Amino acid sequence: MTELLLVGTVARAHGNKGQVIVNPETDFPQERFAEGNLLVVEQAGTAVERTIRSVRFQQGRPIVALDGVETMDDAEALAGAALKMPAAALPRNTYYRHDLVGCEVKDTDGRAIGRVTDVQGPIERSLLVVGEGRGEVMIPMVEGIVVDVDPTGRVIVVDLPDGLARVNATPGHD
């Protein structure tokens, strides 16, 4: 069976024509929630493929009309449903939070900093939680600090500004 990856969850119905508001779980909502894309809607142990008929964005969240969801009652029944896409449909060089947990973090000189134990925060302001000898260090996932991410090789290369590891290390671990 094809691996499915979570790209969003249905928050609630919107309007009376079967549209739903989606809480995106992707860094690329415009690409994932494009008209014509196929989603797998998982809920209560069932999975149904549905094509996106139309989409518009409001306050950063997609409002989606799906084939086969025609009424407000149909849309309300989808509240909480997971929206997934086949991994093969996603572009290369993309990754998910679960792909990063366990990756070794190194600086640009190849020195080990620690391993990712968690990824916290909203997608647009994610922080790598890296366990290291003195506790945990929070590393912002931003361009310029995170230089390379290789989930297949299980390595993340970072260029930490001077003092970042000290400033945000878990208190009491110095």
N, C-alpha and C. Protein backbone atom coordinates (compact mmCIF):
# COMPACT_ATOMS: atom_id res chain seq x y z
N MET A 1 0.84 -1.19 0.00
CA MET A 1 0.00 0.00 0.00
C MET A 1 0.89 1.25 0.00
N THR A 2 0.46 2.27 -0.68
CA THR A 2 1.19 3.52 -0.78
C THR A 2 1.19 4.23 0.57
N GLU A 3 2.37 4.79 0.95
CA GLU A 3 2.46 5.55 2.19
C GLU A 3 1.70 6.86 2.04
N LEU A 4 0.85 7.16 3.02
CA LEU A 4 0.08 8.40 3.02
C LEU A 4 0.63 9.34 4.08
N LEU A 5 0.72 10.62 3.75
CA LEU A 5 1.24 11.61 4.67
C LEU A 5 0.17 12.66 4.95
N LEU A 6 0.06 13.04 6.21
CA LEU A 6 -0.92 14.03 6.64
C LEU A 6 -0.57 15.40 6.07
N VAL A 7 -1.53 16.05 5.42
CA VAL A 7 -1.33 17.42 4.92
C VAL A 7 -2.30 18.41 5.56
N GLY A 8 -3.30 17.90 6.29
CA GLY A 8 -4.24 18.78 6.97
C GLY A 8 -5.33 18.01 7.68
N THR A 9 -6.10 18.74 8.48
CA THR A 9 -7.28 18.16 9.12
C THR A 9 -8.46 19.10 8.90
N VAL A 10 -9.64 18.52 8.82
CA VAL A 10 -10.85 19.32 8.63
C VAL A 10 -11.20 19.96 9.96
N ALA A 11 -11.27 21.29 9.98
CA ALA A 11 -11.64 22.01 11.20
C ALA A 11 -13.16 21.99 11.38
N ARG A 12 -13.87 22.38 10.31
CA ARG A 12 -15.34 22.46 10.40
C ARG A 12 -15.92 22.76 9.02
N ALA A 13 -17.23 22.69 8.95
CA ALA A 13 -17.93 23.04 7.71
C ALA A 13 -17.87 24.56 7.53
N HIS A 14 -17.99 24.98 6.28
CA HIS A 14 -18.02 26.41 5.97
C HIS A 14 -19.14 26.65 4.96
N GLY A 15 -20.08 27.49 5.33
CA GLY A 15 -21.18 27.80 4.43
C GLY A 15 -22.15 26.63 4.31
N ASN A 16 -23.01 26.70 3.29
CA ASN A 16 -24.05 25.68 3.14
C ASN A 16 -23.92 24.88 1.84
N LYS A 17 -22.74 24.93 1.22
CA LYS A 17 -22.56 24.22 -0.06
C LYS A 17 -21.53 23.11 0.03
N GLY A 18 -21.28 22.61 1.24
CA GLY A 18 -20.40 21.46 1.39
C GLY A 18 -18.93 21.77 1.48
N GLN A 19 -18.57 23.02 1.68
CA GLN A 19 -17.15 23.35 1.82
C GLN A 19 -16.69 23.12 3.25
N VAL A 20 -15.36 22.89 3.41
CA VAL A 20 -14.78 22.70 4.74
C VAL A 20 -13.58 23.62 4.90
N ILE A 21 -13.35 24.04 6.14
CA ILE A 21 -12.14 24.79 6.48
C ILE A 21 -11.12 23.77 6.94
N VAL A 22 -9.90 23.93 6.44
CA VAL A 22 -8.82 22.97 6.73
C VAL A 22 -7.75 23.64 7.59
N ASN A 23 -7.29 22.91 8.60
CA ASN A 23 -6.09 23.30 9.35
C ASN A 23 -4.93 22.62 8.65
N PRO A 24 -4.10 23.38 7.91
CA PRO A 24 -3.02 22.74 7.16
C PRO A 24 -1.92 22.20 8.07
N GLU A 25 -1.35 21.08 7.68
CA GLU A 25 -0.22 20.45 8.37
C GLU A 25 0.92 20.31 7.38
N THR A 26 1.16 21.35 6.63
CA THR A 26 2.18 21.34 5.58
C THR A 26 2.77 22.73 5.44
N ASP A 27 4.01 22.79 5.01
CA ASP A 27 4.64 24.07 4.73
C ASP A 27 4.20 24.64 3.39
N PHE A 28 3.48 23.85 2.60
CA PHE A 28 3.12 24.24 1.24
C PHE A 28 1.62 24.10 1.00
N PRO A 29 0.79 24.83 1.76
CA PRO A 29 -0.66 24.66 1.60
C PRO A 29 -1.17 25.02 0.21
N GLN A 30 -0.58 26.03 -0.44
CA GLN A 30 -1.04 26.43 -1.78
C GLN A 30 -0.85 25.29 -2.78
N GLU A 31 0.23 24.50 -2.61
CA GLU A 31 0.50 23.39 -3.52
C GLU A 31 -0.34 22.16 -3.17
N ARG A 32 -0.46 21.85 -1.90
CA ARG A 32 -1.18 20.64 -1.47
C ARG A 32 -2.68 20.75 -1.69
N PHE A 33 -3.20 21.96 -1.48
CA PHE A 33 -4.64 22.16 -1.58
C PHE A 33 -4.98 22.93 -2.85
N ALA A 34 -4.53 22.41 -3.98
CA ALA A 34 -4.80 23.02 -5.28
C ALA A 34 -5.95 22.27 -5.95
N GLU A 35 -6.72 22.99 -6.71
CA GLU A 35 -7.83 22.40 -7.46
C GLU A 35 -7.32 21.23 -8.30
N GLY A 36 -8.04 20.10 -8.23
CA GLY A 36 -7.69 18.92 -9.00
C GLY A 36 -6.84 17.91 -8.24
N ASN A 37 -6.23 18.32 -7.11
CA ASN A 37 -5.43 17.38 -6.33
C ASN A 37 -6.32 16.33 -5.67
N LEU A 38 -5.77 15.14 -5.52
CA LEU A 38 -6.47 14.03 -4.88
C LEU A 38 -6.06 13.96 -3.42
N LEU A 39 -7.05 13.91 -2.52
CA LEU A 39 -6.82 13.75 -1.09
C LEU A 39 -7.44 12.44 -0.64
N VAL A 40 -6.84 11.83 0.36
CA VAL A 40 -7.45 10.68 1.01
C VAL A 40 -8.01 11.20 2.33
N VAL A 41 -9.33 11.08 2.49
CA VAL A 41 -10.01 11.58 3.68
C VAL A 41 -10.18 10.39 4.62
N GLU A 42 -9.49 10.44 5.78
CA GLU A 42 -9.56 9.34 6.75
C GLU A 42 -10.34 9.80 7.96
N GLN A 43 -11.32 8.94 8.33
CA GLN A 43 -12.14 9.25 9.49
C GLN A 43 -12.82 7.98 9.96
N ALA A 44 -12.80 7.76 11.26
CA ALA A 44 -13.48 6.62 11.88
C ALA A 44 -13.13 5.30 11.21
N GLY A 45 -11.86 5.12 10.89
CA GLY A 45 -11.40 3.86 10.33
C GLY A 45 -11.67 3.66 8.85
N THR A 46 -12.19 4.67 8.19
CA THR A 46 -12.43 4.55 6.75
C THR A 46 -11.58 5.58 6.01
N ALA A 47 -11.26 5.27 4.78
CA ALA A 47 -10.50 6.17 3.92
C ALA A 47 -11.19 6.27 2.58
N VAL A 48 -11.46 7.50 2.15
CA VAL A 48 -12.14 7.75 0.88
C VAL A 48 -11.32 8.76 0.09
N GLU A 49 -11.07 8.45 -1.18
CA GLU A 49 -10.37 9.38 -2.06
C GLU A 49 -11.35 10.43 -2.56
N ARG A 50 -10.94 11.69 -2.47
CA ARG A 50 -11.78 12.78 -2.96
C ARG A 50 -10.89 13.80 -3.68
N THR A 51 -11.38 14.32 -4.78
CA THR A 51 -10.66 15.33 -5.55
C THR A 51 -11.10 16.71 -5.10
N ILE A 52 -10.15 17.63 -5.04
CA ILE A 52 -10.47 19.01 -4.68
C ILE A 52 -11.12 19.68 -5.89
N ARG A 53 -12.38 20.08 -5.70
CA ARG A 53 -13.16 20.75 -6.76
C ARG A 53 -12.80 22.22 -6.87
N SER A 54 -12.68 22.86 -5.71
CA SER A 54 -12.31 24.28 -5.68
C SER A 54 -11.67 24.58 -4.33
N VAL A 55 -10.91 25.66 -4.30
CA VAL A 55 -10.24 26.05 -3.06
C VAL A 55 -10.01 27.56 -3.08
N ARG A 56 -10.09 28.14 -1.91
CA ARG A 56 -9.71 29.54 -1.71
C ARG A 56 -9.13 29.61 -0.31
N PHE A 57 -8.35 30.63 -0.06
CA PHE A 57 -7.70 30.76 1.24
C PHE A 57 -8.26 31.96 1.99
N GLN A 58 -8.49 31.75 3.28
CA GLN A 58 -8.98 32.81 4.14
C GLN A 58 -8.18 32.76 5.43
N GLN A 59 -7.50 33.84 5.76
CA GLN A 59 -6.65 33.93 6.94
C GLN A 59 -5.66 32.77 7.00
N GLY A 60 -5.09 32.43 5.86
CA GLY A 60 -4.05 31.41 5.78
C GLY A 60 -4.54 29.97 5.76
N ARG A 61 -5.86 29.77 5.87
CA ARG A 61 -6.38 28.41 5.85
C ARG A 61 -7.19 28.16 4.59
N PRO A 62 -7.02 26.96 4.01
CA PRO A 62 -7.80 26.64 2.82
C PRO A 62 -9.26 26.37 3.16
N ILE A 63 -10.12 26.87 2.31
CA ILE A 63 -11.54 26.50 2.34
C ILE A 63 -11.74 25.68 1.08
N VAL A 64 -12.07 24.41 1.27
CA VAL A 64 -12.01 23.43 0.19
C VAL A 64 -13.39 22.84 -0.09
N ALA A 65 -13.69 22.68 -1.39
CA ALA A 65 -14.86 21.93 -1.83
C ALA A 65 -14.33 20.62 -2.41
N LEU A 66 -14.84 19.50 -1.90
CA LEU A 66 -14.40 18.17 -2.33
C LEU A 66 -15.50 17.48 -3.13
N ASP A 67 -15.10 16.71 -4.14
CA ASP A 67 -16.08 15.90 -4.87
C ASP A 67 -16.80 14.99 -3.88
N GLY A 68 -18.11 14.90 -4.03
CA GLY A 68 -18.90 14.01 -3.18
C GLY A 68 -19.34 14.62 -1.88
N VAL A 69 -18.92 15.84 -1.59
CA VAL A 69 -19.34 16.56 -0.38
C VAL A 69 -20.15 17.75 -0.87
N GLU A 70 -21.47 17.58 -0.86
CA GLU A 70 -22.35 18.55 -1.53
C GLU A 70 -23.13 19.45 -0.59
N THR A 71 -23.39 19.01 0.64
CA THR A 71 -24.26 19.76 1.54
C THR A 71 -23.52 20.13 2.82
N MET A 72 -24.13 21.02 3.59
CA MET A 72 -23.57 21.40 4.88
C MET A 72 -23.49 20.18 5.79
N ASP A 73 -24.49 19.31 5.75
CA ASP A 73 -24.47 18.09 6.57
C ASP A 73 -23.30 17.20 6.19
N ASP A 74 -23.04 17.04 4.88
CA ASP A 74 -21.89 16.26 4.42
C ASP A 74 -20.59 16.84 4.98
N ALA A 75 -20.47 18.17 4.90
CA ALA A 75 -19.25 18.84 5.37
C ALA A 75 -19.11 18.73 6.88
N GLU A 76 -20.21 18.91 7.62
CA GLU A 76 -20.15 18.81 9.08
C GLU A 76 -19.71 17.42 9.52
N ALA A 77 -20.09 16.40 8.77
CA ALA A 77 -19.72 15.03 9.11
C ALA A 77 -18.21 14.79 8.97
N LEU A 78 -17.50 15.67 8.26
CA LEU A 78 -16.06 15.51 8.06
C LEU A 78 -15.21 16.20 9.13
N ALA A 79 -15.84 16.90 10.07
CA ALA A 79 -15.08 17.60 11.11
C ALA A 79 -14.12 16.63 11.80
N GLY A 80 -12.85 17.02 11.87
CA GLY A 80 -11.83 16.19 12.50
C GLY A 80 -11.16 15.18 11.58
N ALA A 81 -11.65 15.04 10.37
CA ALA A 81 -11.07 14.06 9.43
C ALA A 81 -9.65 14.45 9.06
N ALA A 82 -8.80 13.44 8.90
CA ALA A 82 -7.42 13.64 8.45
C ALA A 82 -7.41 13.69 6.93
N LEU A 83 -6.68 14.64 6.38
CA LEU A 83 -6.53 14.76 4.93
C LEU A 83 -5.10 14.37 4.58
N LYS A 84 -4.97 13.36 3.75
CA LYS A 84 -3.65 12.82 3.43
C LYS A 84 -3.43 12.77 1.93
N MET A 85 -2.16 12.71 1.56
CA MET A 85 -1.76 12.56 0.16
C MET A 85 -0.73 11.44 0.08
N PRO A 86 -0.72 10.73 -1.03
CA PRO A 86 0.34 9.73 -1.20
C PRO A 86 1.71 10.40 -1.17
N ALA A 87 2.67 9.78 -0.49
CA ALA A 87 4.01 10.34 -0.38
C ALA A 87 4.60 10.59 -1.77
N ALA A 88 4.29 9.73 -2.72
CA ALA A 88 4.83 9.88 -4.08
C ALA A 88 4.32 11.15 -4.76
N ALA A 89 3.18 11.69 -4.32
CA ALA A 89 2.63 12.90 -4.92
C ALA A 89 3.31 14.17 -4.42
N LEU A 90 4.08 14.04 -3.35
CA LEU A 90 4.73 15.21 -2.79
C LEU A 90 6.08 15.44 -3.46
N PRO A 91 6.46 16.67 -3.64
CA PRO A 91 7.74 16.94 -4.30
C PRO A 91 8.92 16.45 -3.47
N ARG A 92 10.02 16.19 -4.16
CA ARG A 92 11.24 15.80 -3.46
C ARG A 92 11.72 16.98 -2.62
N ASN A 93 12.62 16.68 -1.68
CA ASN A 93 13.18 17.69 -0.78
C ASN A 93 12.14 18.30 0.15
N THR A 94 11.08 17.56 0.43
CA THR A 94 10.14 17.97 1.46
C THR A 94 10.22 16.95 2.57
N TYR A 95 9.84 17.36 3.76
CA TYR A 95 9.91 16.46 4.90
C TYR A 95 8.85 16.89 5.91
N TYR A 96 8.61 15.99 6.84
CA TYR A 96 7.61 16.21 7.87
C TYR A 96 8.28 16.14 9.23
N ARG A 97 7.61 16.65 10.24
CA ARG A 97 8.16 16.66 11.60
C ARG A 97 8.68 15.29 12.01
N HIS A 98 7.88 14.26 11.76
CA HIS A 98 8.31 12.92 12.18
C HIS A 98 9.56 12.46 11.45
N ASP A 99 9.83 13.02 10.26
CA ASP A 99 11.06 12.69 9.53
C ASP A 99 12.30 13.24 10.23
N LEU A 100 12.13 14.31 11.01
CA LEU A 100 13.27 14.99 11.61
C LEU A 100 13.65 14.45 12.98
N VAL A 101 12.67 13.90 13.70
CA VAL A 101 12.94 13.36 15.04
C VAL A 101 13.92 12.19 14.90
N GLY A 102 15.00 12.27 15.68
CA GLY A 102 16.04 11.25 15.64
C GLY A 102 17.22 11.61 14.75
N CYS A 103 17.08 12.65 13.93
CA CYS A 103 18.19 13.07 13.08
C CYS A 103 19.33 13.65 13.93
N GLU A 104 20.55 13.37 13.52
CA GLU A 104 21.71 13.95 14.18
C GLU A 104 21.88 15.38 13.66
N VAL A 105 22.16 16.31 14.57
CA VAL A 105 22.38 17.70 14.20
C VAL A 105 23.87 17.99 14.35
N LYS A 106 24.45 18.54 13.27
CA LYS A 106 25.87 18.88 13.24
C LYS A 106 26.02 20.32 12.83
N ASP A 107 27.15 20.92 13.25
CA ASP A 107 27.41 22.27 12.76
C ASP A 107 28.11 22.17 11.40
N THR A 108 28.38 23.31 10.80
CA THR A 108 28.95 23.31 9.45
C THR A 108 30.37 22.76 9.40
N ASP A 109 31.01 22.62 10.57
CA ASP A 109 32.34 22.01 10.64
C ASP A 109 32.26 20.52 10.89
N GLY A 110 31.05 19.97 10.99
CA GLY A 110 30.88 18.54 11.19
C GLY A 110 30.84 18.10 12.65
N ARG A 111 30.90 19.06 13.59
CA ARG A 111 30.85 18.71 15.01
C ARG A 111 29.40 18.39 15.41
N ALA A 112 29.23 17.30 16.14
CA ALA A 112 27.90 16.88 16.58
C ALA A 112 27.37 17.84 17.65
N ILE A 113 26.11 18.22 17.52
CA ILE A 113 25.44 19.06 18.51
C ILE A 113 24.49 18.21 19.35
N GLY A 114 23.83 17.24 18.73
CA GLY A 114 22.89 16.36 19.43
C GLY A 114 21.93 15.75 18.44
N ARG A 115 20.86 15.17 18.96
CA ARG A 115 19.81 14.56 18.13
C ARG A 115 18.50 15.29 18.35
N VAL A 116 17.71 15.38 17.29
CA VAL A 116 16.39 16.01 17.38
C VAL A 116 15.49 15.09 18.19
N THR A 117 14.93 15.65 19.28
CA THR A 117 14.00 14.89 20.11
C THR A 117 12.56 15.29 19.86
N ASP A 118 12.37 16.49 19.26
CA ASP A 118 11.01 16.98 19.00
C ASP A 118 11.10 18.15 18.03
N VAL A 119 9.98 18.47 17.40
CA VAL A 119 9.84 19.68 16.60
C VAL A 119 8.63 20.40 17.16
N GLN A 120 8.82 21.64 17.62
CA GLN A 120 7.74 22.37 18.29
C GLN A 120 7.37 23.62 17.52
N GLY A 121 6.20 24.14 17.85
CA GLY A 121 5.75 25.40 17.28
C GLY A 121 4.97 25.20 16.00
N PRO A 122 4.32 26.28 15.57
CA PRO A 122 3.58 26.21 14.31
C PRO A 122 4.54 26.06 13.13
N ILE A 123 4.03 25.60 12.04
CA ILE A 123 4.86 25.29 10.88
C ILE A 123 5.74 26.46 10.47
N GLU A 124 5.18 27.67 10.46
CA GLU A 124 5.96 28.82 9.99
C GLU A 124 7.00 29.29 11.00
N ARG A 125 6.96 28.79 12.24
CA ARG A 125 7.94 29.17 13.27
C ARG A 125 8.42 27.94 14.04
N SER A 126 8.72 26.87 13.33
CA SER A 126 9.11 25.62 13.98
C SER A 126 10.48 25.73 14.63
N LEU A 127 10.63 25.00 15.72
CA LEU A 127 11.90 24.91 16.44
C LEU A 127 12.30 23.45 16.56
N LEU A 128 13.56 23.16 16.24
CA LEU A 128 14.10 21.83 16.50
C LEU A 128 14.48 21.78 17.96
N VAL A 129 14.03 20.77 18.67
CA VAL A 129 14.46 20.54 20.04
C VAL A 129 15.56 19.49 19.94
N VAL A 130 16.78 19.91 20.28
CA VAL A 130 17.94 19.05 20.11
C VAL A 130 18.50 18.70 21.47
N GLY A 131 18.51 17.40 21.78
CA GLY A 131 19.11 16.93 23.02
C GLY A 131 20.61 16.91 22.85
N GLU A 132 21.31 17.48 23.81
CA GLU A 132 22.78 17.48 23.77
C GLU A 132 23.28 17.29 25.18
N GLY A 133 24.58 17.26 25.38
CA GLY A 133 25.19 16.94 26.65
C GLY A 133 24.70 17.73 27.84
N ARG A 134 24.32 18.99 27.65
CA ARG A 134 23.90 19.84 28.77
C ARG A 134 22.39 19.96 28.89
N GLY A 135 21.64 19.25 28.11
CA GLY A 135 20.18 19.36 28.16
C GLY A 135 19.63 19.44 26.76
N GLU A 136 18.77 20.44 26.53
CA GLU A 136 18.17 20.63 25.22
C GLU A 136 18.48 22.01 24.69
N VAL A 137 18.60 22.11 23.38
CA VAL A 137 18.80 23.39 22.71
C VAL A 137 17.67 23.53 21.69
N MET A 138 17.08 24.72 21.64
CA MET A 138 16.03 25.02 20.67
C MET A 138 16.66 25.74 19.49
N ILE A 139 16.52 25.17 18.29
CA ILE A 139 17.12 25.76 17.09
C ILE A 139 16.00 26.15 16.13
N PRO A 140 15.88 27.45 15.80
CA PRO A 140 14.84 27.87 14.85
C PRO A 140 15.08 27.26 13.48
N MET A 141 14.01 26.77 12.86
CA MET A 141 14.10 26.20 11.51
C MET A 141 13.91 27.31 10.50
N VAL A 142 14.97 28.10 10.34
CA VAL A 142 14.93 29.23 9.40
C VAL A 142 16.13 29.17 8.48
N GLU A 143 15.96 29.75 7.31
CA GLU A 143 17.05 29.84 6.35
C GLU A 143 18.19 30.62 6.98
N GLY A 144 19.39 30.16 6.77
CA GLY A 144 20.55 30.81 7.35
C GLY A 144 21.05 30.12 8.61
N ILE A 145 20.13 29.51 9.35
CA ILE A 145 20.52 28.72 10.52
C ILE A 145 20.50 27.24 10.15
N VAL A 146 19.40 26.77 9.58
CA VAL A 146 19.34 25.39 9.10
C VAL A 146 19.85 25.41 7.66
N VAL A 147 21.03 24.82 7.49
CA VAL A 147 21.73 24.87 6.20
C VAL A 147 21.32 23.72 5.29
N ASP A 148 21.17 22.52 5.86
CA ASP A 148 20.83 21.34 5.06
C ASP A 148 20.03 20.36 5.90
N VAL A 149 19.01 19.78 5.30
CA VAL A 149 18.20 18.75 5.96
C VAL A 149 18.22 17.52 5.07
N ASP A 150 18.71 16.42 5.62
CA ASP A 150 18.77 15.15 4.90
C ASP A 150 18.09 14.07 5.74
N PRO A 151 16.73 14.00 5.66
CA PRO A 151 16.03 13.02 6.49
C PRO A 151 16.39 11.57 6.13
N THR A 152 16.75 11.32 4.89
CA THR A 152 17.14 9.97 4.49
C THR A 152 18.46 9.58 5.14
N GLY A 153 19.42 10.50 5.16
CA GLY A 153 20.71 10.26 5.79
C GLY A 153 20.67 10.51 7.29
N ARG A 154 19.51 11.04 7.80
CA ARG A 154 19.29 11.29 9.23
C ARG A 154 20.24 12.34 9.79
N VAL A 155 20.54 13.39 8.97
CA VAL A 155 21.47 14.44 9.39
C VAL A 155 20.88 15.81 9.05
N ILE A 156 21.03 16.75 9.98
CA ILE A 156 20.66 18.15 9.77
C ILE A 156 21.91 18.97 10.06
N VAL A 157 22.28 19.85 9.13
CA VAL A 157 23.45 20.70 9.31
C VAL A 157 22.95 22.11 9.63
N VAL A 158 23.52 22.71 10.69
CA VAL A 158 23.11 24.04 11.11
C VAL A 158 24.32 24.95 11.23
N ASP A 159 24.07 26.24 11.05
CA ASP A 159 25.08 27.27 11.25
C ASP A 159 24.55 28.17 12.36
N LEU A 160 24.89 27.82 13.60
CA LEU A 160 24.34 28.53 14.75
C LEU A 160 25.04 29.87 14.96
N PRO A 161 24.27 30.93 15.17
CA PRO A 161 24.88 32.21 15.54
C PRO A 161 25.61 32.04 16.88
N ASP A 162 26.67 32.82 17.09
CA ASP A 162 27.42 32.74 18.34
C ASP A 162 26.49 32.88 19.54
N GLY A 163 26.61 31.96 20.48
CA GLY A 163 25.86 32.02 21.73
C GLY A 163 24.46 31.44 21.69
N LEU A 164 23.93 31.06 20.52
CA LEU A 164 22.56 30.56 20.46
C LEU A 164 22.37 29.32 21.33
N ALA A 165 23.30 28.39 21.29
CA ALA A 165 23.17 27.17 22.07
C ALA A 165 23.15 27.49 23.56
N ARG A 166 23.98 28.46 24.01
CA ARG A 166 24.02 28.82 25.42
C ARG A 166 22.76 29.55 25.85
N VAL A 167 22.30 30.47 25.03
CA VAL A 167 21.17 31.32 25.39
C VAL A 167 19.89 30.51 25.59
N ASN A 168 19.63 29.54 24.72
CA ASN A 168 18.35 28.85 24.83
C ASN A 168 18.48 27.41 25.30
N ALA A 169 19.60 27.04 25.92
CA ALA A 169 19.74 25.71 26.50
C ALA A 169 18.79 25.60 27.68
N THR A 170 18.33 24.39 27.96
CA THR A 170 17.45 24.15 29.08
C THR A 170 18.12 24.63 30.36
N PRO A 171 17.43 25.45 31.17
CA PRO A 171 18.02 25.98 32.42
C PRO A 171 18.45 24.83 33.34
N GLY A 172 19.54 25.08 34.07
CA GLY A 172 20.01 24.13 35.06
C GLY A 172 20.89 23.04 34.50
N HIS A 173 21.25 23.12 33.21
CA HIS A 173 22.07 22.08 32.60
C HIS A 173 23.45 22.60 32.19
N ASP A 174 23.87 23.76 32.70
CA ASP A 174 25.19 24.29 32.33
C ASP A 174 26.28 23.60 33.09
